[in-house]
């Protein structure tokens, strides 16, 4: 069965909460790019030491660069947030 991207966007990616979280992740990436810590295409993710889902903020002291494989390996709940 083909994936229904339009429905997926309407039900998840297009919600206000998802848009705000995405904006915070993009802001974090831009902040570390400006400091020279990460670069486009380097295979690194920007990690929030205290996750946004647990009340963390997007400030330099809460950000670090990690390889994508390590940053995406956390166990997650059914709603996508970290356990």
C-alpha atoms as a PDB file:
ATOM      1  CA  UNK A   1       0.000   0.000   0.000  1.00  0.00           C
ATOM      2  CA  UNK A   2       1.508   3.369  -0.961  1.00  0.00           C
ATOM      3  CA  UNK A   3       2.262   5.909   1.747  1.00  0.00           C
ATOM      4  CA  UNK A   4      -0.251   8.766   2.012  1.00  0.00           C
ATOM      5  CA  UNK A   5       2.034  11.777   2.517  1.00  0.00           C
ATOM      6  CA  UNK A   6      -0.789  14.313   2.415  1.00  0.00           C
ATOM      7  CA  UNK A   7      -2.643  12.599   5.253  1.00  0.00           C
ATOM      8  CA  UNK A   8       0.596  12.189   7.222  1.00  0.00           C
ATOM      9  CA  UNK A   9       1.271  15.924   6.942  1.00  0.00           C
ATOM     10  CA  UNK A  10      -2.261  16.845   7.993  1.00  0.00           C
ATOM     11  CA  UNK A  11      -2.253  14.483  10.984  1.00  0.00           C
ATOM     12  CA  UNK A  12       1.278  14.967  12.278  1.00  0.00           C
ATOM     13  CA  UNK A  13       3.796  17.131  10.440  1.00  0.00           C
ATOM     14  CA  UNK A  14       1.393  20.014   9.873  1.00  0.00           C
ATOM     15  CA  UNK A  15       0.251  20.372  13.484  1.00  0.00           C
ATOM     16  CA  UNK A  16       1.283  23.501  15.366  1.00  0.00           C
ATOM     17  CA  UNK A  17       3.253  21.499  17.950  1.00  0.00           C
ATOM     18  CA  UNK A  18       5.260  19.752  15.216  1.00  0.00           C
ATOM     19  CA  UNK A  19       5.927  23.037  13.420  1.00  0.00           C
ATOM     20  CA  UNK A  20       7.203  24.646  16.635  1.00  0.00           C
ATOM     21  CA  UNK A  21       9.458  21.682  17.438  1.00  0.00           C
ATOM     22  CA  UNK A  22      10.841  21.695  13.885  1.00  0.00           C
ATOM     23  CA  UNK A  23      11.519  25.431  14.143  1.00  0.00           C
ATOM     24  CA  UNK A  24      13.472  24.875  17.387  1.00  0.00           C
ATOM     25  CA  UNK A  25      15.536  22.075  15.805  1.00  0.00           C
ATOM     26  CA  UNK A  26      16.306  24.257  12.770  1.00  0.00           C
ATOM     27  CA  UNK A  27      17.296  27.153  15.043  1.00  0.00           C
ATOM     28  CA  UNK A  28      19.643  24.857  16.991  1.00  0.00           C
ATOM     29  CA  UNK A  29      21.295  23.699  13.767  1.00  0.00           C
ATOM     30  CA  UNK A  30      21.802  27.294  12.591  1.00  0.00           C
ATOM     31  CA  UNK A  31      23.317  28.259  15.955  1.00  0.00           C
ATOM     32  CA  UNK A  32      25.951  25.515  15.804  1.00  0.00           C
ATOM     33  CA  UNK A  33      26.627  26.187  12.116  1.00  0.00           C
ATOM     34  CA  UNK A  34      27.364  29.823  13.002  1.00  0.00           C
ATOM     35  CA  UNK A  35      29.873  28.663  15.640  1.00  0.00           C
ATOM     36  CA  UNK A  36      31.525  26.318  13.104  1.00  0.00           C
ATOM     37  CA  UNK A  37      30.716  23.143  15.047  1.00  0.00           C
ATOM     38  CA  UNK A  38      28.652  21.514  12.273  1.00  0.00           C
ATOM     39  CA  UNK A  39      28.527  21.936   8.509  1.00  0.00           C
ATOM     40  CA  UNK A  40      26.031  20.963   5.857  1.00  0.00           C
ATOM     41  CA  UNK A  41      26.514  17.354   4.793  1.00  0.00           C
ATOM     42  CA  UNK A  42      28.870  16.417   7.640  1.00  0.00           C
ATOM     43  CA  UNK A  43      26.639  13.590   8.914  1.00  0.00           C
ATOM     44  CA  UNK A  44      26.207  15.137  12.355  1.00  0.00           C
ATOM     45  CA  UNK A  45      23.015  15.932  14.210  1.00  0.00           C
ATOM     46  CA  UNK A  46      22.523  18.686  16.735  1.00  0.00           C
ATOM     47  CA  UNK A  47      21.542  17.126  20.047  1.00  0.00           C
ATOM     48  CA  UNK A  48      19.707  18.862  22.863  1.00  0.00           C
ATOM     49  CA  UNK A  49      21.337  17.670  26.106  1.00  0.00           C
ATOM     50  CA  UNK A  50      17.958  18.113  27.819  1.00  0.00           C
ATOM     51  CA  UNK A  51      15.433  17.177  25.119  1.00  0.00           C
ATOM     52  CA  UNK A  52      12.754  19.610  24.012  1.00  0.00           C
ATOM     53  CA  UNK A  53      10.160  16.971  24.930  1.00  0.00           C
ATOM     54  CA  UNK A  54      11.395  17.072  28.533  1.00  0.00           C
ATOM     55  CA  UNK A  55      11.446  20.852  28.879  1.00  0.00           C
ATOM     56  CA  UNK A  56      14.837  21.627  27.358  1.00  0.00           C
ATOM     57  CA  UNK A  57      15.510  24.882  25.531  1.00  0.00           C
ATOM     58  CA  UNK A  58      17.445  25.873  22.455  1.00  0.00           C
ATOM     59  CA  UNK A  59      20.425  27.669  23.956  1.00  0.00           C
ATOM     60  CA  UNK A  60      24.107  27.067  23.196  1.00  0.00           C
ATOM     61  CA  UNK A  61      24.746  25.509  26.623  1.00  0.00           C
ATOM     62  CA  UNK A  62      22.080  22.835  25.906  1.00  0.00           C
ATOM     63  CA  UNK A  63      23.368  21.885  22.436  1.00  0.00           C
ATOM     64  CA  UNK A  64      26.055  19.522  21.200  1.00  0.00           C
ATOM     65  CA  UNK A  65      26.920  17.836  17.912  1.00  0.00           C
ATOM     66  CA  UNK A  66      26.692  14.042  17.674  1.00  0.00           C
ATOM     67  CA  UNK A  67      26.992  11.546  14.845  1.00  0.00           C
ATOM     68  CA  UNK A  68      23.536  10.897  13.400  1.00  0.00           C
ATOM     69  CA  UNK A  69      23.661   7.182  14.274  1.00  0.00           C
ATOM     70  CA  UNK A  70      24.199   7.918  17.969  1.00  0.00           C
ATOM     71  CA  UNK A  71      21.644  10.728  18.177  1.00  0.00           C
ATOM     72  CA  UNK A  72      18.862   8.679  16.597  1.00  0.00           C
ATOM     73  CA  UNK A  73      19.359   5.516  18.628  1.00  0.00           C
ATOM     74  CA  UNK A  74      17.278   6.378  21.712  1.00  0.00           C
ATOM     75  CA  UNK A  75      14.357   4.199  22.704  1.00  0.00           C
ATOM     76  CA  UNK A  76      11.128   6.011  22.017  1.00  0.00           C
ATOM     77  CA  UNK A  77       7.526   5.894  23.191  1.00  0.00           C
ATOM     78  CA  UNK A  78       4.681   5.286  20.757  1.00  0.00           C
ATOM     79  CA  UNK A  79       4.188   9.069  20.350  1.00  0.00           C
ATOM     80  CA  UNK A  80       7.825   9.469  19.267  1.00  0.00           C
ATOM     81  CA  UNK A  81       9.117  11.126  22.448  1.00  0.00           C
ATOM     82  CA  UNK A  82      12.088   9.674  24.318  1.00  0.00           C
ATOM     83  CA  UNK A  83      11.600   7.172  27.144  1.00  0.00           C
END
